[in-house]
Amino acid sequence: MLEPESIDGRRGELSEALRRVRKRAGFTGERLASRVGMSQSKISKIETGKMVPTAFDVERILRVLKATPEEVEEISALARVANTQYQNWRSSLRRGLHHKQAELATLEATSTTVSFRV
């Protein structure tokens, strides 16, 4: 089964932003975990992008870290995008990836131009 860490997108930006705010606030991962009522390993997984935090988790973390309104807005938006991408991927797995492959094959067959960007 694929895990959230295999999903591309904003997940990396989210984890980096949360880590940056934590460090700016002068918290260790252990201290933050204690203050928000999470395990230190969960904080670590969130900050390394191995786990996609819920919007509620992000809200609790940002409140404890006294994030600026701009940081709250930016990081909350990243969390919404990361969770949406993860849910879309989970939905594809439930339906069966052959449906997604068929959808992409049709899209490719009907396209006049195909480009690949890294």
C-alpha atoms as a PDB file:
ATOM      1  CA  MET A   1       0.000   0.000   0.000  1.00  0.00           C
ATOM      2  CA  LEU A   2       1.278   3.446  -0.825  1.00  0.00           C
ATOM      3  CA  GLU A   3       1.877   5.802   2.055  1.00  0.00           C
ATOM      4  CA  PRO A   4       1.385   9.587   2.141  1.00  0.00           C
ATOM      5  CA  GLU A   5       5.129  10.121   1.740  1.00  0.00           C
ATOM      6  CA  SER A   6       4.908   8.821  -1.834  1.00  0.00           C
ATOM      7  CA  ILE A   7       2.491  11.558  -2.847  1.00  0.00           C
ATOM      8  CA  ASP A   8       3.988  14.575  -4.590  1.00  0.00           C
ATOM      9  CA  GLY A   9       2.692  18.087  -4.202  1.00  0.00           C
ATOM     10  CA  ARG A  10       2.643  20.506  -1.324  1.00  0.00           C
ATOM     11  CA  ARG A  11       3.391  17.947   1.401  1.00  0.00           C
ATOM     12  CA  GLY A  12       7.087  18.891   1.464  1.00  0.00           C
ATOM     13  CA  GLU A  13       6.317  22.591   1.645  1.00  0.00           C
ATOM     14  CA  LEU A  14       3.908  21.935   4.510  1.00  0.00           C
ATOM     15  CA  SER A  15       6.422  19.956   6.557  1.00  0.00           C
ATOM     16  CA  GLU A  16       9.179  22.531   5.960  1.00  0.00           C
ATOM     17  CA  ALA A  17       6.883  25.415   6.924  1.00  0.00           C
ATOM     18  CA  LEU A  18       5.822  23.727  10.161  1.00  0.00           C
ATOM     19  CA  ARG A  19       9.438  22.941  11.068  1.00  0.00           C
ATOM     20  CA  ARG A  20      10.485  26.529  10.297  1.00  0.00           C
ATOM     21  CA  VAL A  21       7.769  27.981  12.560  1.00  0.00           C
ATOM     22  CA  ARG A  22       8.667  25.537  15.354  1.00  0.00           C
ATOM     23  CA  LYS A  23      12.335  26.473  15.220  1.00  0.00           C
ATOM     24  CA  ARG A  24      11.536  30.178  15.088  1.00  0.00           C
ATOM     25  CA  ALA A  25       9.423  29.738  18.221  1.00  0.00           C
ATOM     26  CA  GLY A  26      12.369  28.030  19.946  1.00  0.00           C
ATOM     27  CA  PHE A  27      10.602  24.713  20.516  1.00  0.00           C
ATOM     28  CA  THR A  28      12.103  21.262  20.242  1.00  0.00           C
ATOM     29  CA  GLY A  29       9.991  18.566  18.659  1.00  0.00           C
ATOM     30  CA  GLU A  30       9.598  16.950  22.069  1.00  0.00           C
ATOM     31  CA  ARG A  31       8.441  20.154  23.746  1.00  0.00           C
ATOM     32  CA  LEU A  32       5.975  20.889  20.946  1.00  0.00           C
ATOM     33  CA  ALA A  33       4.590  17.351  21.155  1.00  0.00           C
ATOM     34  CA  SER A  34       4.042  17.740  24.876  1.00  0.00           C
ATOM     35  CA  ARG A  35       2.286  21.095  24.480  1.00  0.00           C
ATOM     36  CA  VAL A  36      -0.087  19.936  21.710  1.00  0.00           C
ATOM     37  CA  GLY A  37      -0.795  16.496  23.169  1.00  0.00           C
ATOM     38  CA  MET A  38       0.855  14.476  20.410  1.00  0.00           C
ATOM     39  CA  SER A  39       3.719  12.023  20.466  1.00  0.00           C
ATOM     40  CA  GLN A  40       7.174  13.254  19.524  1.00  0.00           C
ATOM     41  CA  SER A  41       7.266  10.648  16.758  1.00  0.00           C
ATOM     42  CA  LYS A  42       4.072  12.100  15.235  1.00  0.00           C
ATOM     43  CA  ILE A  43       5.620  15.580  15.208  1.00  0.00           C
ATOM     44  CA  SER A  44       8.733  14.119  13.593  1.00  0.00           C
ATOM     45  CA  LYS A  45       6.704  12.293  10.933  1.00  0.00           C
ATOM     46  CA  ILE A  46       4.764  15.465  10.151  1.00  0.00           C
ATOM     47  CA  GLU A  47       7.955  17.545   9.880  1.00  0.00           C
ATOM     48  CA  THR A  48       9.696  15.010   7.646  1.00  0.00           C
ATOM     49  CA  GLY A  49       6.651  14.634   5.380  1.00  0.00           C
ATOM     50  CA  LYS A  50       6.049  10.995   6.272  1.00  0.00           C
ATOM     51  CA  MET A  51       2.611  11.860   7.642  1.00  0.00           C
ATOM     52  CA  VAL A  52       0.047  14.311   6.349  1.00  0.00           C
ATOM     53  CA  PRO A  53      -1.373  16.172   9.367  1.00  0.00           C
ATOM     54  CA  THR A  54      -5.058  16.897   9.648  1.00  0.00           C
ATOM     55  CA  ALA A  55      -6.251  20.492   9.539  1.00  0.00           C
ATOM     56  CA  PHE A  56      -7.024  20.168  13.257  1.00  0.00           C
ATOM     57  CA  ASP A  57      -3.439  19.015  14.000  1.00  0.00           C
ATOM     58  CA  VAL A  58      -2.038  21.973  12.040  1.00  0.00           C
ATOM     59  CA  GLU A  59      -4.333  24.387  13.863  1.00  0.00           C
ATOM     60  CA  ARG A  60      -3.226  23.080  17.292  1.00  0.00           C
ATOM     61  CA  ILE A  61       0.456  23.239  16.351  1.00  0.00           C
ATOM     62  CA  LEU A  62       0.223  26.779  14.989  1.00  0.00           C
ATOM     63  CA  ARG A  63      -1.719  27.998  18.032  1.00  0.00           C
ATOM     64  CA  VAL A  64       0.912  26.645  20.453  1.00  0.00           C
ATOM     65  CA  LEU A  65       3.737  28.112  18.359  1.00  0.00           C
ATOM     66  CA  LYS A  66       1.991  31.517  18.237  1.00  0.00           C
ATOM     67  CA  ALA A  67       2.269  31.638  14.450  1.00  0.00           C
ATOM     68  CA  THR A  68       1.614  34.960  12.735  1.00  0.00           C
ATOM     69  CA  PRO A  69      -1.685  35.396  10.877  1.00  0.00           C
ATOM     70  CA  GLU A  70       0.238  35.184   7.586  1.00  0.00           C
ATOM     71  CA  GLU A  71       1.867  31.893   8.635  1.00  0.00           C
ATOM     72  CA  VAL A  72      -1.490  30.496   9.750  1.00  0.00           C
ATOM     73  CA  GLU A  73      -3.055  31.386   6.402  1.00  0.00           C
ATOM     74  CA  GLU A  74      -0.176  29.973   4.341  1.00  0.00           C
ATOM     75  CA  ILE A  75       0.300  26.777   6.317  1.00  0.00           C
ATOM     76  CA  SER A  76      -3.427  26.073   6.626  1.00  0.00           C
ATOM     77  CA  ALA A  77      -3.748  26.368   2.844  1.00  0.00           C
ATOM     78  CA  LEU A  78      -0.833  23.955   2.368  1.00  0.00           C
ATOM     79  CA  ALA A  79      -2.484  21.503   4.773  1.00  0.00           C
ATOM     80  CA  ARG A  80      -5.774  21.634   2.866  1.00  0.00           C
ATOM     81  CA  VAL A  81      -4.006  20.937  -0.438  1.00  0.00           C
ATOM     82  CA  ALA A  82      -1.900  18.103   1.025  1.00  0.00           C
ATOM     83  CA  ASN A  83      -4.961  16.451   2.559  1.00  0.00           C
ATOM     84  CA  THR A  84      -6.958  16.806  -0.657  1.00  0.00           C
ATOM     85  CA  GLN A  85      -4.179  15.188  -2.685  1.00  0.00           C
ATOM     86  CA  TYR A  86      -3.884  12.345  -0.177  1.00  0.00           C
ATOM     87  CA  GLN A  87      -7.650  11.737  -0.165  1.00  0.00           C
ATOM     88  CA  ASN A  88      -7.738  11.731  -3.971  1.00  0.00           C
ATOM     89  CA  TRP A  89      -4.959   9.143  -4.030  1.00  0.00           C
ATOM     90  CA  ARG A  90      -6.727   6.989  -1.411  1.00  0.00           C
ATOM     91  CA  SER A  91      -9.930   7.195  -3.459  1.00  0.00           C
ATOM     92  CA  SER A  92      -8.056   5.993  -6.552  1.00  0.00           C
ATOM     93  CA  LEU A  93      -6.647   3.070  -4.598  1.00  0.00           C
ATOM     94  CA  ARG A  94     -10.103   2.075  -3.361  1.00  0.00           C
ATOM     95  CA  ARG A  95     -11.649   2.199  -6.838  1.00  0.00           C
ATOM     96  CA  GLY A  96      -8.694   0.415  -8.367  1.00  0.00           C
ATOM     97  CA  LEU A  97      -5.747   1.947 -10.147  1.00  0.00           C
ATOM     98  CA  HIS A  98      -6.806   0.381 -13.453  1.00  0.00           C
ATOM     99  CA  HIS A  99      -9.596   2.995 -13.605  1.00  0.00           C
ATOM    100  CA  LYS A 100      -7.081   5.813 -13.177  1.00  0.00           C
ATOM    101  CA  GLN A 101      -4.783   4.232 -15.788  1.00  0.00           C
ATOM    102  CA  ALA A 102      -7.676   3.978 -18.252  1.00  0.00           C
ATOM    103  CA  GLU A 103      -8.565   7.621 -17.610  1.00  0.00           C
ATOM    104  CA  LEU A 104      -4.982   8.713 -18.244  1.00  0.00           C
ATOM    105  CA  ALA A 105      -4.689   6.518 -21.355  1.00  0.00           C
ATOM    106  CA  THR A 106      -7.806   8.151 -22.812  1.00  0.00           C
ATOM    107  CA  LEU A 107      -6.484  11.594 -21.997  1.00  0.00           C
ATOM    108  CA  GLU A 108      -3.162  10.779 -23.662  1.00  0.00           C
ATOM    109  CA  ALA A 109      -4.820   9.252 -26.742  1.00  0.00           C
ATOM    110  CA  THR A 110      -6.991  12.314 -27.306  1.00  0.00           C
ATOM    111  CA  SER A 111      -4.204  14.844 -26.706  1.00  0.00           C
ATOM    112  CA  THR A 112      -2.506  16.651 -29.557  1.00  0.00           C
ATOM    113  CA  THR A 113       0.510  17.697 -27.475  1.00  0.00           C
ATOM    114  CA  VAL A 114       2.133  15.870 -24.604  1.00  0.00           C
ATOM    115  CA  SER A 115       4.921  17.444 -22.540  1.00  0.00           C
ATOM    116  CA  PHE A 116       6.851  16.272 -19.532  1.00  0.00           C
ATOM    117  CA  ARG A 117       8.231  18.674 -16.956  1.00  0.00           C
ATOM    118  CA  VAL A 118      10.511  17.922 -14.098  1.00  0.00           C
END
